[in-house]
Amino acid sequence: LLAEEGIQAELSLLNGQLTEKKKLYDADVQAFRDSEKLKILEVGEGTEEAEAIKAAT
């Protein structure tokens, strides 16, 4: 029973670490997408793609 509790505690800890890593990854992905949107807006001012991004944000 004690070993099972230890395993549960370790799983819980690992799950928490994964959740944190996923949050950081998601934030990185969002930052990358935002930077790509900015590039398109700067380079393609007035293009269909730039206008679509402006409309979506």
N, C-alpha and C. Protein backbone atom coordinates (compact mmCIF):
# COMPACT_ATOMS: atom_id res chain seq x y z
N LEU A 1 0.84 -1.21 0.00
CA LEU A 1 0.00 0.00 0.00
C LEU A 1 0.87 1.26 0.00
N LEU A 2 1.93 1.23 0.80
CA LEU A 2 2.82 2.39 0.84
C LEU A 2 3.50 2.62 -0.51
N ALA A 3 3.91 1.52 -1.14
CA ALA A 3 4.55 1.64 -2.46
C ALA A 3 3.56 2.23 -3.47
N GLU A 4 2.31 1.81 -3.37
CA GLU A 4 1.28 2.31 -4.29
C GLU A 4 1.08 3.82 -4.09
N GLU A 5 1.07 4.25 -2.84
CA GLU A 5 0.93 5.69 -2.56
C GLU A 5 2.12 6.47 -3.10
N GLY A 6 3.30 5.89 -2.97
CA GLY A 6 4.51 6.53 -3.50
C GLY A 6 4.45 6.67 -5.01
N ILE A 7 3.97 5.62 -5.66
CA ILE A 7 3.83 5.65 -7.12
C ILE A 7 2.80 6.70 -7.52
N GLN A 8 1.69 6.76 -6.80
CA GLN A 8 0.66 7.76 -7.09
C GLN A 8 1.21 9.17 -6.92
N ALA A 9 1.98 9.38 -5.86
CA ALA A 9 2.57 10.70 -5.62
C ALA A 9 3.53 11.07 -6.74
N GLU A 10 4.33 10.09 -7.17
CA GLU A 10 5.29 10.36 -8.25
C GLU A 10 4.57 10.65 -9.56
N LEU A 11 3.52 9.89 -9.84
CA LEU A 11 2.72 10.13 -11.05
C LEU A 11 2.11 11.52 -11.02
N SER A 12 1.63 11.90 -9.86
CA SER A 12 1.02 13.22 -9.71
C SER A 12 2.06 14.32 -9.96
N LEU A 13 3.25 14.12 -9.43
CA LEU A 13 4.34 15.08 -9.63
C LEU A 13 4.72 15.18 -11.11
N LEU A 14 4.88 14.01 -11.76
CA LEU A 14 5.22 13.99 -13.18
C LEU A 14 4.14 14.65 -14.02
N ASN A 15 2.90 14.39 -13.66
CA ASN A 15 1.77 14.99 -14.38
C ASN A 15 1.82 16.51 -14.25
N GLY A 16 2.13 16.99 -13.07
CA GLY A 16 2.26 18.44 -12.85
C GLY A 16 3.38 19.03 -13.68
N GLN A 17 4.51 18.32 -13.75
CA GLN A 17 5.64 18.79 -14.56
C GLN A 17 5.27 18.84 -16.04
N LEU A 18 4.57 17.80 -16.50
CA LEU A 18 4.14 17.77 -17.91
C LEU A 18 3.19 18.92 -18.21
N THR A 19 2.29 19.18 -17.28
CA THR A 19 1.33 20.27 -17.46
C THR A 19 2.08 21.60 -17.60
N GLU A 20 3.07 21.81 -16.74
CA GLU A 20 3.86 23.05 -16.81
C GLU A 20 4.62 23.15 -18.14
N LYS A 21 5.23 22.03 -18.56
CA LYS A 21 5.97 22.04 -19.83
C LYS A 21 5.03 22.33 -20.99
N LYS A 22 3.83 21.78 -20.93
CA LYS A 22 2.86 22.01 -22.01
C LYS A 22 2.46 23.49 -22.04
N LYS A 23 2.29 24.10 -20.87
CA LYS A 23 1.95 25.53 -20.82
C LYS A 23 3.06 26.36 -21.47
N LEU A 24 4.31 26.03 -21.15
CA LEU A 24 5.45 26.75 -21.74
C LEU A 24 5.50 26.54 -23.24
N TYR A 25 5.28 25.29 -23.66
CA TYR A 25 5.28 24.98 -25.10
C TYR A 25 4.17 25.76 -25.80
N ASP A 26 2.97 25.73 -25.23
CA ASP A 26 1.84 26.45 -25.83
C ASP A 26 2.13 27.95 -25.94
N ALA A 27 2.77 28.50 -24.91
CA ALA A 27 3.13 29.92 -24.93
C ALA A 27 4.16 30.20 -26.03
N ASP A 28 5.13 29.29 -26.18
CA ASP A 28 6.13 29.44 -27.25
C ASP A 28 5.47 29.38 -28.62
N VAL A 29 4.56 28.43 -28.79
CA VAL A 29 3.86 28.29 -30.07
C VAL A 29 3.06 29.56 -30.37
N GLN A 30 2.38 30.07 -29.35
CA GLN A 30 1.58 31.29 -29.55
C GLN A 30 2.47 32.48 -29.90
N ALA A 31 3.60 32.59 -29.22
CA ALA A 31 4.54 33.68 -29.50
C ALA A 31 5.06 33.57 -30.93
N PHE A 32 5.37 32.35 -31.36
CA PHE A 32 5.84 32.14 -32.73
C PHE A 32 4.76 32.54 -33.73
N ARG A 33 3.54 32.10 -33.49
CA ARG A 33 2.43 32.44 -34.39
C ARG A 33 2.24 33.95 -34.45
N ASP A 34 2.30 34.60 -33.29
CA ASP A 34 2.14 36.06 -33.26
C ASP A 34 3.25 36.74 -34.06
N SER A 35 4.48 36.26 -33.91
CA SER A 35 5.60 36.87 -34.65
C SER A 35 5.43 36.65 -36.15
N GLU A 36 4.94 35.48 -36.53
CA GLU A 36 4.70 35.21 -37.95
C GLU A 36 3.60 36.12 -38.49
N LYS A 37 2.56 36.33 -37.69
CA LYS A 37 1.47 37.22 -38.10
C LYS A 37 2.01 38.64 -38.31
N LEU A 38 2.87 39.08 -37.39
CA LEU A 38 3.45 40.42 -37.51
C LEU A 38 4.28 40.55 -38.79
N LYS A 39 5.07 39.50 -39.09
CA LYS A 39 5.89 39.52 -40.31
C LYS A 39 4.99 39.66 -41.53
N ILE A 40 3.92 38.88 -41.56
CA ILE A 40 3.01 38.93 -42.71
C ILE A 40 2.37 40.31 -42.80
N LEU A 41 1.99 40.86 -41.66
CA LEU A 41 1.36 42.18 -41.67
C LEU A 41 2.34 43.26 -42.14
N GLU A 42 3.61 43.15 -41.69
CA GLU A 42 4.61 44.15 -42.08
C GLU A 42 4.96 44.03 -43.57
N VAL A 43 5.18 42.81 -44.01
CA VAL A 43 5.63 42.58 -45.39
C VAL A 43 4.47 42.69 -46.37
N GLY A 44 3.32 42.16 -45.96
CA GLY A 44 2.23 42.05 -46.91
C GLY A 44 1.09 43.01 -46.68
N GLU A 45 1.40 44.20 -46.23
CA GLU A 45 0.36 45.20 -45.98
C GLU A 45 -0.55 45.32 -47.20
N GLY A 46 -1.85 45.12 -46.97
CA GLY A 46 -2.81 45.24 -48.06
C GLY A 46 -3.05 43.95 -48.82
N THR A 47 -2.25 42.91 -48.53
CA THR A 47 -2.49 41.64 -49.22
C THR A 47 -3.66 40.92 -48.56
N GLU A 48 -4.19 39.95 -49.28
CA GLU A 48 -5.33 39.19 -48.79
C GLU A 48 -5.00 38.51 -47.46
N GLU A 49 -3.81 37.92 -47.38
CA GLU A 49 -3.41 37.20 -46.17
C GLU A 49 -3.31 38.16 -44.98
N ALA A 50 -2.70 39.31 -45.19
CA ALA A 50 -2.56 40.30 -44.12
C ALA A 50 -3.93 40.79 -43.68
N GLU A 51 -4.81 41.02 -44.63
CA GLU A 51 -6.16 41.49 -44.29
C GLU A 51 -6.93 40.43 -43.51
N ALA A 52 -6.73 39.17 -43.87
CA ALA A 52 -7.40 38.07 -43.17
C ALA A 52 -6.92 37.98 -41.73
N ILE A 53 -5.62 38.18 -41.53
CA ILE A 53 -5.07 38.14 -40.17
C ILE A 53 -5.60 39.32 -39.36
N LYS A 54 -5.64 40.49 -39.95
CA LYS A 54 -6.18 41.66 -39.24
C LYS A 54 -7.62 41.41 -38.82
N ALA A 55 -8.40 40.82 -39.71
CA ALA A 55 -9.81 40.56 -39.43
C ALA A 55 -9.96 39.54 -38.30
N ALA A 56 -9.01 38.60 -38.21
CA ALA A 56 -9.12 37.53 -37.22
C ALA A 56 -8.60 37.95 -35.85
N THR A 57 -7.83 39.04 -35.78
CA THR A 57 -7.24 39.43 -34.49
C THR A 57 -7.92 40.65 -33.91
